[in-house]
């Protein structure tokens, strides 16, 4: 019996550590990366959630998991979208360009307009980005309530390969956003 308790404790600790290192992971990703059976993962996720050691949040069909007390709701939403390639690219492109149109985004990412539209609607409804009417065009920008430093912190901490690629660009973007925010306050 003692061996089973030790194995249970090891599985539980491995799952918590995995979720801590990979926030916003969903069931199948955890299962594949840890190499445990689906039933084992489901059991421990339910147990850990019941014990309030982890929390979960829906993102479409996926239930994403987070260690309790580390992230606010807004950060969880950002992480959920950073875990998906197209929304992540959209957010980063908007950060880089300021206020692109849907067409600008579709051309840059080489993704169809309906796919971009669907993702923009999800990001807008999650209040990560905002839609701005500009005549007959809709432009998109990062929600002014989201601190660009939060985005950069999340990128640096949980997406190091992206951080390395984007760090120079993000420094320029942050300076630009800070300058725009200062000018907005003066007006």
C-alpha atoms as a PDB file:
ATOM      1  CA  UNK A   1       0.000   0.000   0.000  1.00  0.00           C
ATOM      2  CA  UNK A   2       2.838   2.340   0.795  1.00  0.00           C
ATOM      3  CA  UNK A   3       4.201   2.005  -2.770  1.00  0.00           C
ATOM      4  CA  UNK A   4       0.801   3.005  -4.196  1.00  0.00           C
ATOM      5  CA  UNK A   5       0.642   6.138  -1.996  1.00  0.00           C
ATOM      6  CA  UNK A   6       4.107   7.111  -3.172  1.00  0.00           C
ATOM      7  CA  UNK A   7       3.093   6.595  -6.830  1.00  0.00           C
ATOM      8  CA  UNK A   8      -0.106   8.611  -6.287  1.00  0.00           C
ATOM      9  CA  UNK A   9       1.864  11.431  -4.706  1.00  0.00           C
ATOM     10  CA  UNK A  10       4.408  11.366  -7.559  1.00  0.00           C
ATOM     11  CA  UNK A  11       1.680  11.518 -10.225  1.00  0.00           C
ATOM     12  CA  UNK A  12      -0.068  14.350  -8.402  1.00  0.00           C
ATOM     13  CA  UNK A  13       3.139  16.361  -8.007  1.00  0.00           C
ATOM     14  CA  UNK A  14       4.117  15.733 -11.644  1.00  0.00           C
ATOM     15  CA  UNK A  15       0.743  16.991 -12.859  1.00  0.00           C
ATOM     16  CA  UNK A  16       0.835  20.110 -10.662  1.00  0.00           C
ATOM     17  CA  UNK A  17       4.409  20.867 -11.744  1.00  0.00           C
ATOM     18  CA  UNK A  18       3.485  20.337 -15.402  1.00  0.00           C
ATOM     19  CA  UNK A  19       0.514  22.714 -15.143  1.00  0.00           C
ATOM     20  CA  UNK A  20       2.672  25.260 -13.326  1.00  0.00           C
ATOM     21  CA  UNK A  21       5.265  25.133 -16.130  1.00  0.00           C
ATOM     22  CA  UNK A  22       2.655  24.927 -18.917  1.00  0.00           C
ATOM     23  CA  UNK A  23      -0.328  27.022 -17.804  1.00  0.00           C
ATOM     24  CA  UNK A  24      -3.479  26.705 -19.870  1.00  0.00           C
ATOM     25  CA  UNK A  25      -2.712  23.149 -20.959  1.00  0.00           C
ATOM     26  CA  UNK A  26      -5.661  20.960 -21.802  1.00  0.00           C
ATOM     27  CA  UNK A  27      -6.337  17.329 -20.905  1.00  0.00           C
ATOM     28  CA  UNK A  28      -4.873  15.643 -23.991  1.00  0.00           C
ATOM     29  CA  UNK A  29      -1.737  17.777 -23.995  1.00  0.00           C
ATOM     30  CA  UNK A  30      -1.088  16.896 -20.341  1.00  0.00           C
ATOM     31  CA  UNK A  31      -1.748  13.215 -21.067  1.00  0.00           C
ATOM     32  CA  UNK A  32       0.600  13.105 -24.058  1.00  0.00           C
ATOM     33  CA  UNK A  33       3.406  15.096 -22.458  1.00  0.00           C
ATOM     34  CA  UNK A  34       3.350  13.169 -19.159  1.00  0.00           C
ATOM     35  CA  UNK A  35       2.749   9.782 -20.773  1.00  0.00           C
ATOM     36  CA  UNK A  36       0.005   8.808 -18.324  1.00  0.00           C
ATOM     37  CA  UNK A  37      -3.284   7.135 -19.186  1.00  0.00           C
ATOM     38  CA  UNK A  38      -6.383   9.225 -19.851  1.00  0.00           C
ATOM     39  CA  UNK A  39      -8.129   7.798 -16.779  1.00  0.00           C
ATOM     40  CA  UNK A  40      -5.181   8.618 -14.524  1.00  0.00           C
ATOM     41  CA  UNK A  41      -4.984  12.204 -15.796  1.00  0.00           C
ATOM     42  CA  UNK A  42      -8.755  12.688 -15.448  1.00  0.00           C
ATOM     43  CA  UNK A  43      -8.722  11.300 -11.906  1.00  0.00           C
ATOM     44  CA  UNK A  44      -5.931  13.598 -10.724  1.00  0.00           C
ATOM     45  CA  UNK A  45      -7.250  16.685 -12.499  1.00  0.00           C
ATOM     46  CA  UNK A  46     -10.659  16.208 -10.825  1.00  0.00           C
ATOM     47  CA  UNK A  47      -8.998  15.532  -7.464  1.00  0.00           C
ATOM     48  CA  UNK A  48      -6.668  18.548  -7.703  1.00  0.00           C
ATOM     49  CA  UNK A  49      -9.514  20.799  -8.814  1.00  0.00           C
ATOM     50  CA  UNK A  50     -11.707  19.583  -5.949  1.00  0.00           C
ATOM     51  CA  UNK A  51      -8.836  20.283  -3.511  1.00  0.00           C
ATOM     52  CA  UNK A  52      -8.527  23.754  -5.137  1.00  0.00           C
ATOM     53  CA  UNK A  53      -4.885  23.196  -6.036  1.00  0.00           C
ATOM     54  CA  UNK A  54      -5.716  23.867  -9.682  1.00  0.00           C
ATOM     55  CA  UNK A  55      -8.491  25.695 -11.513  1.00  0.00           C
ATOM     56  CA  UNK A  56      -9.906  25.205 -14.973  1.00  0.00           C
ATOM     57  CA  UNK A  57     -11.398  27.431 -17.581  1.00  0.00           C
ATOM     58  CA  UNK A  58     -13.155  26.550 -20.840  1.00  0.00           C
ATOM     59  CA  UNK A  59     -11.762  27.617 -24.183  1.00  0.00           C
ATOM     60  CA  UNK A  60     -14.141  26.334 -26.818  1.00  0.00           C
ATOM     61  CA  UNK A  61     -14.128  22.556 -26.557  1.00  0.00           C
ATOM     62  CA  UNK A  62     -11.022  22.457 -24.357  1.00  0.00           C
ATOM     63  CA  UNK A  63     -10.831  22.778 -20.600  1.00  0.00           C
ATOM     64  CA  UNK A  64      -7.599  24.580 -19.732  1.00  0.00           C
ATOM     65  CA  UNK A  65      -5.876  24.087 -16.375  1.00  0.00           C
ATOM     66  CA  UNK A  66      -3.981  26.541 -14.156  1.00  0.00           C
ATOM     67  CA  UNK A  67      -2.334  26.280 -10.755  1.00  0.00           C
ATOM     68  CA  UNK A  68      -4.523  28.160  -8.253  1.00  0.00           C
ATOM     69  CA  UNK A  69      -3.547  31.686  -7.278  1.00  0.00           C
ATOM     70  CA  UNK A  70      -0.953  32.446  -9.944  1.00  0.00           C
ATOM     71  CA  UNK A  71      -3.029  34.114 -12.676  1.00  0.00           C
ATOM     72  CA  UNK A  72      -5.930  36.514 -12.809  1.00  0.00           C
ATOM     73  CA  UNK A  73      -8.852  35.870 -15.173  1.00  0.00           C
ATOM     74  CA  UNK A  74      -7.480  38.244 -17.795  1.00  0.00           C
ATOM     75  CA  UNK A  75      -4.095  36.520 -17.762  1.00  0.00           C
ATOM     76  CA  UNK A  76      -5.781  33.127 -18.066  1.00  0.00           C
ATOM     77  CA  UNK A  77      -7.642  34.315 -21.159  1.00  0.00           C
ATOM     78  CA  UNK A  78      -4.433  35.605 -22.720  1.00  0.00           C
ATOM     79  CA  UNK A  79      -2.610  32.348 -21.979  1.00  0.00           C
ATOM     80  CA  UNK A  80      -5.458  30.285 -23.437  1.00  0.00           C
ATOM     81  CA  UNK A  81      -5.140  32.199 -26.708  1.00  0.00           C
ATOM     82  CA  UNK A  82      -1.330  32.189 -26.664  1.00  0.00           C
ATOM     83  CA  UNK A  83      -1.559  28.375 -26.592  1.00  0.00           C
ATOM     84  CA  UNK A  84      -3.280  28.467 -30.000  1.00  0.00           C
ATOM     85  CA  UNK A  85      -1.218  29.358 -33.047  1.00  0.00           C
ATOM     86  CA  UNK A  86      -3.597  31.580 -35.046  1.00  0.00           C
ATOM     87  CA  UNK A  87      -4.935  33.682 -32.136  1.00  0.00           C
ATOM     88  CA  UNK A  88      -1.373  34.064 -30.811  1.00  0.00           C
ATOM     89  CA  UNK A  89      -0.143  35.296 -34.205  1.00  0.00           C
ATOM     90  CA  UNK A  90      -3.086  37.708 -34.421  1.00  0.00           C
ATOM     91  CA  UNK A  91      -2.383  39.176 -30.965  1.00  0.00           C
ATOM     92  CA  UNK A  92       1.321  39.577 -31.710  1.00  0.00           C
ATOM     93  CA  UNK A  93       0.635  41.125 -35.123  1.00  0.00           C
ATOM     94  CA  UNK A  94      -1.821  43.603 -33.589  1.00  0.00           C
ATOM     95  CA  UNK A  95       0.772  44.474 -30.949  1.00  0.00           C
ATOM     96  CA  UNK A  96       3.328  45.026 -33.680  1.00  0.00           C
ATOM     97  CA  UNK A  97       1.148  46.982 -36.112  1.00  0.00           C
ATOM     98  CA  UNK A  98      -1.101  48.959 -33.776  1.00  0.00           C
ATOM     99  CA  UNK A  99      -4.445  48.994 -35.590  1.00  0.00           C
ATOM    100  CA  UNK A 100      -4.495  46.645 -38.575  1.00  0.00           C
ATOM    101  CA  UNK A 101      -7.639  45.725 -40.497  1.00  0.00           C
ATOM    102  CA  UNK A 102      -8.887  42.162 -40.883  1.00  0.00           C
ATOM    103  CA  UNK A 103      -7.489  42.158 -44.431  1.00  0.00           C
ATOM    104  CA  UNK A 104      -4.067  43.288 -43.191  1.00  0.00           C
ATOM    105  CA  UNK A 105      -4.037  40.455 -40.664  1.00  0.00           C
ATOM    106  CA  UNK A 106      -5.213  37.836 -43.183  1.00  0.00           C
ATOM    107  CA  UNK A 107      -2.552  38.869 -45.700  1.00  0.00           C
ATOM    108  CA  UNK A 108       0.250  38.931 -43.128  1.00  0.00           C
ATOM    109  CA  UNK A 109      -0.626  35.577 -41.558  1.00  0.00           C
ATOM    110  CA  UNK A 110      -1.607  33.974 -44.886  1.00  0.00           C
ATOM    111  CA  UNK A 111      -4.848  32.711 -43.419  1.00  0.00           C
ATOM    112  CA  UNK A 112      -8.323  32.986 -44.947  1.00  0.00           C
ATOM    113  CA  UNK A 113     -10.524  35.943 -44.020  1.00  0.00           C
ATOM    114  CA  UNK A 114     -13.244  33.736 -42.478  1.00  0.00           C
ATOM    115  CA  UNK A 115     -10.651  32.130 -40.175  1.00  0.00           C
ATOM    116  CA  UNK A 116      -9.311  35.541 -39.175  1.00  0.00           C
ATOM    117  CA  UNK A 117     -12.857  36.848 -38.657  1.00  0.00           C
ATOM    118  CA  UNK A 118     -13.761  33.904 -36.408  1.00  0.00           C
ATOM    119  CA  UNK A 119     -10.618  34.367 -34.314  1.00  0.00           C
ATOM    120  CA  UNK A 120     -11.054  38.159 -34.122  1.00  0.00           C
ATOM    121  CA  UNK A 121     -14.610  37.663 -32.853  1.00  0.00           C
ATOM    122  CA  UNK A 122     -13.358  35.302 -30.133  1.00  0.00           C
ATOM    123  CA  UNK A 123     -10.549  37.670 -29.123  1.00  0.00           C
ATOM    124  CA  UNK A 124     -12.941  40.633 -29.110  1.00  0.00           C
ATOM    125  CA  UNK A 125     -15.545  38.817 -27.020  1.00  0.00           C
ATOM    126  CA  UNK A 126     -12.769  37.840 -24.570  1.00  0.00           C
ATOM    127  CA  UNK A 127     -11.846  41.538 -24.373  1.00  0.00           C
ATOM    128  CA  UNK A 128      -8.249  40.912 -25.364  1.00  0.00           C
ATOM    129  CA  UNK A 129      -8.576  43.112 -28.425  1.00  0.00           C
ATOM    130  CA  UNK A 130     -10.997  45.885 -29.341  1.00  0.00           C
ATOM    131  CA  UNK A 131     -12.662  46.688 -32.619  1.00  0.00           C
ATOM    132  CA  UNK A 132     -12.518  50.261 -33.882  1.00  0.00           C
ATOM    133  CA  UNK A 133     -14.707  51.560 -36.714  1.00  0.00           C
ATOM    134  CA  UNK A 134     -12.736  53.576 -39.257  1.00  0.00           C
ATOM    135  CA  UNK A 135     -15.162  54.551 -42.002  1.00  0.00           C
ATOM    136  CA  UNK A 136     -15.985  51.367 -43.822  1.00  0.00           C
ATOM    137  CA  UNK A 137     -13.128  49.472 -42.177  1.00  0.00           C
ATOM    138  CA  UNK A 138     -12.835  47.769 -38.835  1.00  0.00           C
ATOM    139  CA  UNK A 139      -9.478  48.108 -37.164  1.00  0.00           C
ATOM    140  CA  UNK A 140      -8.268  46.042 -34.264  1.00  0.00           C
ATOM    141  CA  UNK A 141      -6.073  47.000 -31.350  1.00  0.00           C
ATOM    142  CA  UNK A 142      -4.967  45.558 -28.072  1.00  0.00           C
ATOM    143  CA  UNK A 143      -7.521  46.307 -25.367  1.00  0.00           C
ATOM    144  CA  UNK A 144      -6.260  49.431 -23.564  1.00  0.00           C
ATOM    145  CA  UNK A 145      -7.080  47.738 -20.219  1.00  0.00           C
ATOM    146  CA  UNK A 146      -4.430  45.090 -20.909  1.00  0.00           C
ATOM    147  CA  UNK A 147      -0.994  46.139 -19.785  1.00  0.00           C
ATOM    148  CA  UNK A 148       1.579  45.378 -22.506  1.00  0.00           C
ATOM    149  CA  UNK A 149       3.981  44.448 -19.697  1.00  0.00           C
ATOM    150  CA  UNK A 150       1.642  41.594 -18.709  1.00  0.00           C
ATOM    151  CA  UNK A 151       1.794  40.248 -22.253  1.00  0.00           C
ATOM    152  CA  UNK A 152       5.560  40.497 -22.385  1.00  0.00           C
ATOM    153  CA  UNK A 153       5.884  38.866 -18.942  1.00  0.00           C
ATOM    154  CA  UNK A 154       3.713  35.950 -20.055  1.00  0.00           C
ATOM    155  CA  UNK A 155       5.656  35.573 -23.289  1.00  0.00           C
ATOM    156  CA  UNK A 156       9.001  35.659 -21.531  1.00  0.00           C
ATOM    157  CA  UNK A 157       7.999  33.270 -18.754  1.00  0.00           C
ATOM    158  CA  UNK A 158       5.936  30.686 -20.607  1.00  0.00           C
ATOM    159  CA  UNK A 159       6.873  30.993 -24.275  1.00  0.00           C
ATOM    160  CA  UNK A 160      10.665  31.477 -24.255  1.00  0.00           C
ATOM    161  CA  UNK A 161      11.170  30.536 -27.920  1.00  0.00           C
ATOM    162  CA  UNK A 162       8.570  33.129 -28.942  1.00  0.00           C
ATOM    163  CA  UNK A 163      10.112  35.599 -26.518  1.00  0.00           C
ATOM    164  CA  UNK A 164      13.532  35.237 -28.151  1.00  0.00           C
ATOM    165  CA  UNK A 165      12.025  35.807 -31.583  1.00  0.00           C
ATOM    166  CA  UNK A 166       9.862  38.746 -30.552  1.00  0.00           C
ATOM    167  CA  UNK A 167      11.866  40.476 -27.803  1.00  0.00           C
ATOM    168  CA  UNK A 168      13.381  43.150 -30.033  1.00  0.00           C
ATOM    169  CA  UNK A 169      10.062  43.786 -31.752  1.00  0.00           C
ATOM    170  CA  UNK A 170       8.238  43.854 -28.425  1.00  0.00           C
ATOM    171  CA  UNK A 171      10.617  46.448 -27.018  1.00  0.00           C
ATOM    172  CA  UNK A 172       9.779  48.719 -29.924  1.00  0.00           C
ATOM    173  CA  UNK A 173       6.074  47.980 -29.569  1.00  0.00           C
ATOM    174  CA  UNK A 174       6.095  48.656 -25.836  1.00  0.00           C
ATOM    175  CA  UNK A 175       7.852  51.982 -26.315  1.00  0.00           C
ATOM    176  CA  UNK A 176       5.326  52.879 -29.001  1.00  0.00           C
ATOM    177  CA  UNK A 177       2.363  51.901 -26.796  1.00  0.00           C
ATOM    178  CA  UNK A 178       3.801  53.797 -23.831  1.00  0.00           C
ATOM    179  CA  UNK A 179       4.314  56.886 -25.984  1.00  0.00           C
ATOM    180  CA  UNK A 180       0.721  56.630 -27.309  1.00  0.00           C
ATOM    181  CA  UNK A 181      -0.664  56.199 -23.772  1.00  0.00           C
ATOM    182  CA  UNK A 182       1.259  59.251 -22.526  1.00  0.00           C
ATOM    183  CA  UNK A 183       0.000  61.364 -25.421  1.00  0.00           C
ATOM    184  CA  UNK A 184      -3.565  60.157 -24.833  1.00  0.00           C
ATOM    185  CA  UNK A 185      -3.380  61.219 -21.165  1.00  0.00           C
ATOM    186  CA  UNK A 186      -2.118  64.689 -22.141  1.00  0.00           C
ATOM    187  CA  UNK A 187      -5.048  65.226 -24.517  1.00  0.00           C
END
